[in-house]
Amino acid sequence: MYRAAVLTISDKGFAGEREDLSGPEAAAILKSRGYETVHYAILPDERKRIADELKRLADEKRAELILTTGGTGFSPRDVTPEATLDAAERLCPGIPEVMRAASLVKTRRAVLSRATAAIRGGALIVNLPGSPAAVRECLLCVIDEIGHGLDILCGQTAECGRHYR
């Protein structure tokens, strides 16, 4: 299927002070859906560093799907959405809208998510929350549509309207 990269954004994870559980959760879901995780890294909450890694992965055609976990909240260090926008060529607002709507059923705090999604070249970048449970909840509600979007983005299909009901 498609190659994926998973980036966990966490100062404590990067410093080795916290075990990353959200990145492996995302990778496990991807594997169960036929994606190959070709890159995994933990980065600190540093906007330029995150944006540079997103650009590198997309521009060097390392992965068609790039997932980030963490850094989407209100903390002053939470800059993942801004870094994603720095790397973005086109926005995909429907993906985070659906994730927030699905999460809202479980917690009213879903309204506080600042996650975004964007396209850069032939890669789709999607921000996920930082907890394993929230990664599972959010990724599972959009993974099938992401696959179809990647088919279109990568030239595997041009049809989208026939699925509309």
N, C-alpha and C. Protein backbone atom coordinates (compact mmCIF):
# COMPACT_ATOMS: atom_id res chain seq x y z
N MET A 1 0.84 -1.18 0.00
CA MET A 1 0.00 0.00 0.00
C MET A 1 0.88 1.25 0.00
N TYR A 2 0.80 2.06 1.02
CA TYR A 2 1.56 3.30 1.08
C TYR A 2 2.57 3.27 2.23
N ARG A 3 3.60 4.10 2.06
CA ARG A 3 4.61 4.24 3.11
C ARG A 3 4.18 5.35 4.06
N ALA A 4 4.46 5.15 5.34
CA ALA A 4 4.09 6.13 6.35
C ALA A 4 5.28 6.48 7.22
N ALA A 5 5.25 7.70 7.73
CA ALA A 5 6.21 8.17 8.72
C ALA A 5 5.41 8.60 9.94
N VAL A 6 5.94 8.31 11.12
CA VAL A 6 5.30 8.69 12.37
C VAL A 6 6.29 9.54 13.17
N LEU A 7 5.87 10.75 13.51
CA LEU A 7 6.69 11.65 14.31
C LEU A 7 5.96 11.95 15.61
N THR A 8 6.56 11.59 16.71
CA THR A 8 6.02 11.96 18.01
C THR A 8 6.67 13.26 18.42
N ILE A 9 5.85 14.23 18.78
CA ILE A 9 6.35 15.55 19.17
C ILE A 9 6.19 15.66 20.68
N SER A 10 7.33 15.62 21.38
CA SER A 10 7.30 15.62 22.85
C SER A 10 8.67 15.99 23.38
N ASP A 11 8.73 17.08 24.13
CA ASP A 11 9.99 17.46 24.78
C ASP A 11 10.46 16.35 25.71
N LYS A 12 9.55 15.82 26.54
CA LYS A 12 9.93 14.79 27.51
C LYS A 12 10.29 13.49 26.81
N GLY A 13 9.57 13.14 25.76
CA GLY A 13 9.90 11.93 25.01
C GLY A 13 11.26 12.05 24.34
N PHE A 14 11.54 13.21 23.76
CA PHE A 14 12.81 13.45 23.11
C PHE A 14 13.97 13.38 24.10
N ALA A 15 13.73 13.87 25.32
CA ALA A 15 14.76 13.87 26.36
C ALA A 15 14.88 12.51 27.05
N GLY A 16 14.05 11.55 26.69
CA GLY A 16 14.09 10.23 27.32
C GLY A 16 13.44 10.18 28.68
N GLU A 17 12.65 11.20 29.02
CA GLU A 17 12.00 11.28 30.32
C GLU A 17 10.62 10.64 30.33
N ARG A 18 10.09 10.30 29.14
CA ARG A 18 8.78 9.69 29.03
C ARG A 18 8.80 8.71 27.87
N GLU A 19 8.26 7.51 28.10
CA GLU A 19 8.15 6.53 27.03
C GLU A 19 7.08 6.97 26.04
N ASP A 20 7.38 6.87 24.77
CA ASP A 20 6.40 7.21 23.75
C ASP A 20 5.46 6.03 23.54
N LEU A 21 4.19 6.22 23.80
CA LEU A 21 3.19 5.20 23.56
C LEU A 21 2.30 5.55 22.37
N SER A 22 2.20 6.84 22.06
CA SER A 22 1.30 7.27 20.98
C SER A 22 1.86 6.96 19.60
N GLY A 23 3.16 7.15 19.38
CA GLY A 23 3.76 6.83 18.09
C GLY A 23 3.63 5.35 17.75
N PRO A 24 4.00 4.46 18.66
CA PRO A 24 3.81 3.04 18.40
C PRO A 24 2.34 2.65 18.19
N GLU A 25 1.43 3.32 18.86
CA GLU A 25 0.00 3.05 18.65
C GLU A 25 -0.39 3.41 17.22
N ALA A 26 0.05 4.57 16.74
CA ALA A 26 -0.23 4.97 15.36
C ALA A 26 0.38 3.97 14.38
N ALA A 27 1.62 3.56 14.63
CA ALA A 27 2.29 2.60 13.73
C ALA A 27 1.56 1.26 13.71
N ALA A 28 1.04 0.82 14.85
CA ALA A 28 0.31 -0.45 14.90
C ALA A 28 -0.98 -0.38 14.09
N ILE A 29 -1.67 0.74 14.19
CA ILE A 29 -2.90 0.91 13.40
C ILE A 29 -2.56 0.93 11.91
N LEU A 30 -1.52 1.65 11.56
CA LEU A 30 -1.10 1.69 10.16
C LEU A 30 -0.78 0.30 9.63
N LYS A 31 -0.03 -0.46 10.41
CA LYS A 31 0.34 -1.81 9.99
C LYS A 31 -0.90 -2.68 9.78
N SER A 32 -1.86 -2.54 10.68
CA SER A 32 -3.09 -3.34 10.58
C SER A 32 -3.90 -2.99 9.33
N ARG A 33 -3.64 -1.83 8.76
CA ARG A 33 -4.35 -1.38 7.57
C ARG A 33 -3.50 -1.49 6.31
N GLY A 34 -2.33 -2.13 6.43
CA GLY A 34 -1.51 -2.39 5.24
C GLY A 34 -0.47 -1.34 4.92
N TYR A 35 -0.31 -0.34 5.76
CA TYR A 35 0.73 0.68 5.54
C TYR A 35 2.06 0.16 6.06
N GLU A 36 3.12 0.61 5.45
CA GLU A 36 4.47 0.29 5.91
C GLU A 36 5.04 1.53 6.59
N THR A 37 5.35 1.44 7.87
CA THR A 37 5.97 2.56 8.57
C THR A 37 7.46 2.52 8.27
N VAL A 38 7.93 3.48 7.49
CA VAL A 38 9.32 3.50 7.04
C VAL A 38 10.18 4.47 7.85
N HIS A 39 9.53 5.28 8.68
CA HIS A 39 10.30 6.25 9.47
C HIS A 39 9.53 6.53 10.76
N TYR A 40 10.27 6.56 11.87
CA TYR A 40 9.70 6.90 13.16
C TYR A 40 10.74 7.73 13.90
N ALA A 41 10.29 8.82 14.50
CA ALA A 41 11.21 9.66 15.26
C ALA A 41 10.43 10.38 16.36
N ILE A 42 11.17 10.76 17.39
CA ILE A 42 10.64 11.62 18.44
C ILE A 42 11.38 12.94 18.33
N LEU A 43 10.62 14.02 18.23
CA LEU A 43 11.20 15.35 18.10
C LEU A 43 10.75 16.22 19.26
N PRO A 44 11.56 17.22 19.64
CA PRO A 44 11.13 18.16 20.66
C PRO A 44 10.10 19.12 20.08
N ASP A 45 9.39 19.81 20.95
CA ASP A 45 8.39 20.79 20.54
C ASP A 45 9.08 22.06 20.04
N GLU A 46 9.71 21.96 18.89
CA GLU A 46 10.41 23.09 18.28
C GLU A 46 9.90 23.26 16.86
N ARG A 47 9.20 24.37 16.63
CA ARG A 47 8.49 24.60 15.38
C ARG A 47 9.34 24.40 14.14
N LYS A 48 10.49 25.03 14.07
CA LYS A 48 11.32 24.94 12.88
C LYS A 48 11.81 23.51 12.66
N ARG A 49 12.20 22.87 13.71
CA ARG A 49 12.70 21.49 13.59
C ARG A 49 11.60 20.54 13.09
N ILE A 50 10.40 20.71 13.60
CA ILE A 50 9.27 19.89 13.16
C ILE A 50 8.98 20.18 11.69
N ALA A 51 8.86 21.45 11.34
CA ALA A 51 8.56 21.83 9.95
C ALA A 51 9.64 21.31 9.00
N ASP A 52 10.89 21.44 9.39
CA ASP A 52 11.99 20.96 8.53
C ASP A 52 11.90 19.45 8.30
N GLU A 53 11.54 18.70 9.34
CA GLU A 53 11.42 17.24 9.19
C GLU A 53 10.22 16.88 8.31
N LEU A 54 9.12 17.58 8.48
CA LEU A 54 7.96 17.34 7.62
C LEU A 54 8.30 17.62 6.15
N LYS A 55 8.98 18.72 5.91
CA LYS A 55 9.39 19.08 4.54
C LYS A 55 10.33 18.03 3.97
N ARG A 56 11.30 17.61 4.77
CA ARG A 56 12.27 16.62 4.30
C ARG A 56 11.59 15.31 3.92
N LEU A 57 10.72 14.84 4.79
CA LEU A 57 10.03 13.58 4.52
C LEU A 57 9.18 13.67 3.25
N ALA A 58 8.49 14.79 3.08
CA ALA A 58 7.64 14.97 1.89
C ALA A 58 8.48 15.21 0.64
N ASP A 59 9.44 16.12 0.73
CA ASP A 59 10.21 16.52 -0.46
C ASP A 59 11.12 15.40 -0.97
N GLU A 60 11.63 14.60 -0.06
CA GLU A 60 12.48 13.48 -0.46
C GLU A 60 11.67 12.23 -0.77
N LYS A 61 10.35 12.38 -0.77
CA LYS A 61 9.42 11.28 -1.09
C LYS A 61 9.67 10.03 -0.24
N ARG A 62 9.91 10.28 1.04
CA ARG A 62 10.15 9.19 1.98
C ARG A 62 8.86 8.45 2.34
N ALA A 63 7.74 9.21 2.40
CA ALA A 63 6.47 8.62 2.80
C ALA A 63 5.33 9.40 2.16
N GLU A 64 4.26 8.68 1.84
CA GLU A 64 3.07 9.34 1.31
C GLU A 64 2.16 9.85 2.42
N LEU A 65 2.26 9.24 3.60
CA LEU A 65 1.48 9.65 4.76
C LEU A 65 2.43 9.95 5.91
N ILE A 66 2.29 11.13 6.48
CA ILE A 66 3.11 11.53 7.62
C ILE A 66 2.16 11.86 8.76
N LEU A 67 2.25 11.09 9.84
CA LEU A 67 1.43 11.33 11.02
C LEU A 67 2.28 11.92 12.11
N THR A 68 1.75 12.95 12.77
CA THR A 68 2.40 13.48 13.97
C THR A 68 1.51 13.15 15.15
N THR A 69 2.10 12.93 16.30
CA THR A 69 1.35 12.75 17.54
C THR A 69 1.86 13.77 18.54
N GLY A 70 0.95 14.46 19.18
CA GLY A 70 1.32 15.42 20.21
C GLY A 70 1.51 16.83 19.69
N GLY A 71 1.50 17.76 20.65
CA GLY A 71 1.77 19.16 20.33
C GLY A 71 0.61 19.91 19.72
N THR A 72 -0.63 19.41 19.94
CA THR A 72 -1.80 20.04 19.33
C THR A 72 -2.69 20.78 20.32
N GLY A 73 -2.22 20.92 21.54
CA GLY A 73 -3.03 21.55 22.59
C GLY A 73 -2.76 23.03 22.75
N PHE A 74 -3.00 23.53 23.94
CA PHE A 74 -2.91 24.96 24.23
C PHE A 74 -1.61 25.37 24.93
N SER A 75 -0.78 24.41 25.27
CA SER A 75 0.47 24.75 25.94
C SER A 75 1.31 25.66 25.05
N PRO A 76 2.04 26.58 25.64
CA PRO A 76 2.89 27.45 24.81
C PRO A 76 3.89 26.68 23.94
N ARG A 77 4.27 25.47 24.36
CA ARG A 77 5.21 24.66 23.58
C ARG A 77 4.52 23.82 22.50
N ASP A 78 3.19 23.78 22.48
CA ASP A 78 2.45 23.00 21.49
C ASP A 78 2.41 23.77 20.17
N VAL A 79 3.31 23.40 19.26
CA VAL A 79 3.45 24.13 18.00
C VAL A 79 3.34 23.22 16.76
N THR A 80 2.87 22.00 16.96
CA THR A 80 2.78 21.08 15.82
C THR A 80 1.89 21.61 14.71
N PRO A 81 0.70 22.16 14.99
CA PRO A 81 -0.11 22.68 13.89
C PRO A 81 0.58 23.81 13.12
N GLU A 82 1.26 24.67 13.83
CA GLU A 82 1.96 25.78 13.16
C GLU A 82 3.10 25.26 12.29
N ALA A 83 3.83 24.27 12.80
CA ALA A 83 4.91 23.66 12.01
C ALA A 83 4.34 22.98 10.78
N THR A 84 3.19 22.34 10.92
CA THR A 84 2.54 21.70 9.77
C THR A 84 2.13 22.75 8.75
N LEU A 85 1.60 23.86 9.21
CA LEU A 85 1.24 24.95 8.29
C LEU A 85 2.47 25.53 7.59
N ASP A 86 3.59 25.56 8.30
CA ASP A 86 4.84 26.04 7.68
C ASP A 86 5.26 25.13 6.53
N ALA A 87 4.95 23.85 6.63
CA ALA A 87 5.33 22.88 5.60
C ALA A 87 4.25 22.72 4.52
N ALA A 88 3.05 23.19 4.79
CA ALA A 88 1.90 22.93 3.93
C ALA A 88 1.94 23.67 2.60
N GLU A 89 1.43 22.97 1.59
CA GLU A 89 1.14 23.61 0.30
C GLU A 89 -0.37 23.77 0.12
N ARG A 90 -1.12 22.79 0.64
CA ARG A 90 -2.59 22.84 0.58
C ARG A 90 -3.14 22.26 1.88
N LEU A 91 -4.25 22.82 2.34
CA LEU A 91 -4.85 22.35 3.59
C LEU A 91 -5.92 21.30 3.31
N CYS A 92 -6.16 20.44 4.31
CA CYS A 92 -7.18 19.38 4.26
C CYS A 92 -8.02 19.50 5.52
N PRO A 93 -8.88 20.51 5.62
CA PRO A 93 -9.60 20.76 6.87
C PRO A 93 -10.58 19.68 7.28
N GLY A 94 -11.08 18.89 6.35
CA GLY A 94 -12.07 17.87 6.69
C GLY A 94 -11.55 16.80 7.63
N ILE A 95 -10.28 16.45 7.50
CA ILE A 95 -9.72 15.38 8.34
C ILE A 95 -9.74 15.75 9.81
N PRO A 96 -9.17 16.90 10.22
CA PRO A 96 -9.25 17.23 11.65
C PRO A 96 -10.67 17.57 12.11
N GLU A 97 -11.51 18.07 11.20
CA GLU A 97 -12.90 18.33 11.58
C GLU A 97 -13.60 17.03 11.99
N VAL A 98 -13.40 15.97 11.21
CA VAL A 98 -14.02 14.68 11.52
C VAL A 98 -13.43 14.11 12.81
N MET A 99 -12.11 14.23 13.00
CA MET A 99 -11.49 13.72 14.23
C MET A 99 -12.05 14.44 15.45
N ARG A 100 -12.19 15.76 15.36
CA ARG A 100 -12.75 16.51 16.50
C ARG A 100 -14.20 16.11 16.76
N ALA A 101 -14.99 15.95 15.69
CA ALA A 101 -16.40 15.57 15.85
C ALA A 101 -16.51 14.19 16.52
N ALA A 102 -15.69 13.25 16.09
CA ALA A 102 -15.71 11.91 16.70
C ALA A 102 -15.28 11.97 18.16
N SER A 103 -14.28 12.75 18.46
CA SER A 103 -13.79 12.87 19.84
C SER A 103 -14.78 13.59 20.73
N LEU A 104 -15.53 14.50 20.16
CA LEU A 104 -16.50 15.27 20.94
C LEU A 104 -17.56 14.39 21.58
N VAL A 105 -17.83 13.24 20.98
CA VAL A 105 -18.79 12.29 21.55
C VAL A 105 -18.27 11.76 22.89
N LYS A 106 -16.96 11.67 23.03
CA LYS A 106 -16.35 11.13 24.26
C LYS A 106 -15.97 12.20 25.27
N THR A 107 -15.52 13.37 24.77
CA THR A 107 -15.11 14.44 25.68
C THR A 107 -15.37 15.80 25.06
N ARG A 108 -15.93 16.68 25.85
CA ARG A 108 -16.16 18.07 25.40
C ARG A 108 -14.84 18.78 25.14
N ARG A 109 -13.76 18.29 25.72
CA ARG A 109 -12.46 18.93 25.52
C ARG A 109 -11.90 18.75 24.12
N ALA A 110 -12.58 17.97 23.30
CA ALA A 110 -12.17 17.82 21.89
C ALA A 110 -12.19 19.17 21.18
N VAL A 111 -12.99 20.10 21.68
CA VAL A 111 -13.04 21.43 21.05
C VAL A 111 -11.72 22.17 21.21
N LEU A 112 -10.86 21.70 22.10
CA LEU A 112 -9.58 22.36 22.33
C LEU A 112 -8.47 21.86 21.41
N SER A 113 -8.76 20.85 20.60
CA SER A 113 -7.74 20.34 19.67
C SER A 113 -7.46 21.35 18.56
N ARG A 114 -6.19 21.57 18.31
CA ARG A 114 -5.78 22.48 17.23
C ARG A 114 -5.19 21.71 16.06
N ALA A 115 -5.41 20.41 16.02
CA ALA A 115 -4.85 19.56 14.95
C ALA A 115 -5.22 20.10 13.58
N THR A 116 -4.33 19.87 12.63
CA THR A 116 -4.57 20.25 11.24
C THR A 116 -4.11 19.11 10.35
N ALA A 117 -4.40 19.24 9.07
CA ALA A 117 -3.93 18.29 8.07
C ALA A 117 -3.63 19.07 6.81
N ALA A 118 -2.60 18.62 6.09
CA ALA A 118 -2.17 19.36 4.91
C ALA A 118 -1.48 18.43 3.92
N ILE A 119 -1.38 18.93 2.71
CA ILE A 119 -0.64 18.24 1.65
C ILE A 119 0.61 19.03 1.35
N ARG A 120 1.70 18.29 1.15
CA ARG A 120 2.95 18.87 0.65
C ARG A 120 3.45 17.90 -0.42
N GLY A 121 3.48 18.36 -1.65
CA GLY A 121 3.89 17.50 -2.74
C GLY A 121 2.98 16.29 -2.81
N GLY A 122 3.56 15.10 -2.76
CA GLY A 122 2.80 13.86 -2.81
C GLY A 122 2.58 13.26 -1.45
N ALA A 123 2.63 14.07 -0.40
CA ALA A 123 2.48 13.55 0.96
C ALA A 123 1.33 14.25 1.69
N LEU A 124 0.61 13.46 2.47
CA LEU A 124 -0.43 13.97 3.34
C LEU A 124 0.10 13.97 4.76
N ILE A 125 -0.02 15.10 5.43
CA ILE A 125 0.44 15.26 6.81
C ILE A 125 -0.80 15.41 7.69
N VAL A 126 -0.90 14.59 8.75
CA VAL A 126 -2.05 14.63 9.65
C VAL A 126 -1.55 14.71 11.08
N ASN A 127 -2.04 15.71 11.82
CA ASN A 127 -1.72 15.84 13.24
C ASN A 127 -2.71 15.03 14.07
N LEU A 128 -2.17 14.23 14.97
CA LEU A 128 -2.98 13.45 15.91
C LEU A 128 -2.67 13.92 17.33
N PRO A 129 -3.58 13.66 18.28
CA PRO A 129 -3.30 14.01 19.67
C PRO A 129 -2.14 13.21 20.23
N GLY A 130 -1.78 13.50 21.48
CA GLY A 130 -0.62 12.87 22.08
C GLY A 130 -0.86 11.61 22.89
N SER A 131 -2.10 11.30 23.24
CA SER A 131 -2.35 10.10 24.04
C SER A 131 -2.65 8.91 23.13
N PRO A 132 -2.24 7.71 23.54
CA PRO A 132 -2.51 6.53 22.72
C PRO A 132 -4.00 6.31 22.45
N ALA A 133 -4.85 6.51 23.46
CA ALA A 133 -6.29 6.32 23.27
C ALA A 133 -6.84 7.32 22.26
N ALA A 134 -6.41 8.56 22.34
CA ALA A 134 -6.88 9.58 21.41
C ALA A 134 -6.32 9.35 20.00
N VAL A 135 -5.09 8.85 19.90
CA VAL A 135 -4.54 8.49 18.59
C VAL A 135 -5.41 7.43 17.95
N ARG A 136 -5.73 6.39 18.70
CA ARG A 136 -6.56 5.29 18.20
C ARG A 136 -7.91 5.82 17.75
N GLU A 137 -8.56 6.58 18.62
CA GLU A 137 -9.89 7.11 18.34
C GLU A 137 -9.89 7.99 17.08
N CYS A 138 -8.93 8.89 16.99
CA CYS A 138 -8.90 9.82 15.87
C CYS A 138 -8.46 9.16 14.56
N LEU A 139 -7.44 8.35 14.62
CA LEU A 139 -6.93 7.74 13.39
C LEU A 139 -7.93 6.74 12.81
N LEU A 140 -8.57 5.97 13.66
CA LEU A 140 -9.52 4.97 13.15
C LEU A 140 -10.74 5.61 12.49
N CYS A 141 -11.10 6.81 12.88
CA CYS A 141 -12.29 7.43 12.29
C CYS A 141 -12.01 8.05 10.92
N VAL A 142 -10.73 8.13 10.52
CA VAL A 142 -10.41 8.74 9.21
C VAL A 142 -9.51 7.87 8.32
N ILE A 143 -9.03 6.75 8.82
CA ILE A 143 -8.01 6.00 8.09
C ILE A 143 -8.50 5.51 6.73
N ASP A 144 -9.74 5.10 6.61
CA ASP A 144 -10.24 4.63 5.31
C ASP A 144 -10.31 5.77 4.30
N GLU A 145 -10.78 6.91 4.74
CA GLU A 145 -10.85 8.07 3.84
C GLU A 145 -9.46 8.57 3.49
N ILE A 146 -8.53 8.48 4.42
CA ILE A 146 -7.14 8.85 4.12
C ILE A 146 -6.61 7.97 3.00
N GLY A 147 -6.90 6.69 3.04
CA GLY A 147 -6.45 5.78 1.98
C GLY A 147 -6.97 6.20 0.63
N HIS A 148 -8.23 6.57 0.56
CA HIS A 148 -8.80 7.02 -0.71
C HIS A 148 -8.16 8.34 -1.16
N GLY A 149 -7.96 9.23 -0.20
CA GLY A 149 -7.29 10.49 -0.52
C GLY A 149 -5.89 10.28 -1.06
N LEU A 150 -5.16 9.33 -0.48
CA LEU A 150 -3.82 9.02 -0.97
C LEU A 150 -3.89 8.42 -2.37
N ASP A 151 -4.91 7.60 -2.64
CA ASP A 151 -5.08 7.06 -3.99
C ASP A 151 -5.19 8.20 -5.00
N ILE A 152 -5.96 9.22 -4.67
CA ILE A 152 -6.11 10.37 -5.56
C ILE A 152 -4.83 11.17 -5.63
N LEU A 153 -4.25 11.48 -4.48
CA LEU A 153 -3.03 12.28 -4.42
C LEU A 153 -1.89 11.63 -5.20
N CYS A 154 -1.79 10.32 -5.13
CA CYS A 154 -0.70 9.59 -5.76
C CYS A 154 -1.04 9.10 -7.17
N GLY A 155 -2.19 9.50 -7.68
CA GLY A 155 -2.55 9.17 -9.05
C GLY A 155 -3.05 7.76 -9.27
N GLN A 156 -3.47 7.08 -8.20
CA GLN A 156 -3.98 5.72 -8.34
C GLN A 156 -5.43 5.69 -8.82
N THR A 157 -6.15 6.78 -8.57
CA THR A 157 -7.53 6.90 -9.02
C THR A 157 -7.86 8.38 -9.17
N ALA A 158 -8.80 8.68 -10.00
CA ALA A 158 -9.26 10.05 -10.16
C ALA A 158 -10.71 10.17 -9.74
N GLU A 159 -11.33 9.05 -9.41
CA GLU A 159 -12.75 9.02 -9.07
C GLU A 159 -12.96 9.28 -7.59
N CYS A 160 -13.83 10.21 -7.30
CA CYS A 160 -14.21 10.45 -5.92
C CYS A 160 -15.72 10.54 -5.81
N GLY A 161 -16.36 11.15 -6.79
CA GLY A 161 -17.80 11.41 -6.74
C GLY A 161 -18.65 10.16 -6.70
N ARG A 162 -18.20 9.05 -7.24
CA ARG A 162 -19.04 7.85 -7.29
C ARG A 162 -19.27 7.28 -5.89
N HIS A 163 -18.49 7.71 -4.91
CA HIS A 163 -18.67 7.22 -3.54
C HIS A 163 -19.62 8.12 -2.74
N TYR A 164 -20.05 9.19 -3.36
CA TYR A 164 -20.90 10.15 -2.67
C TYR A 164 -22.34 9.64 -2.63
N ARG A 165 -22.94 9.62 -1.46
CA ARG A 165 -24.33 9.19 -1.31
C ARG A 165 -25.07 10.18 -0.47
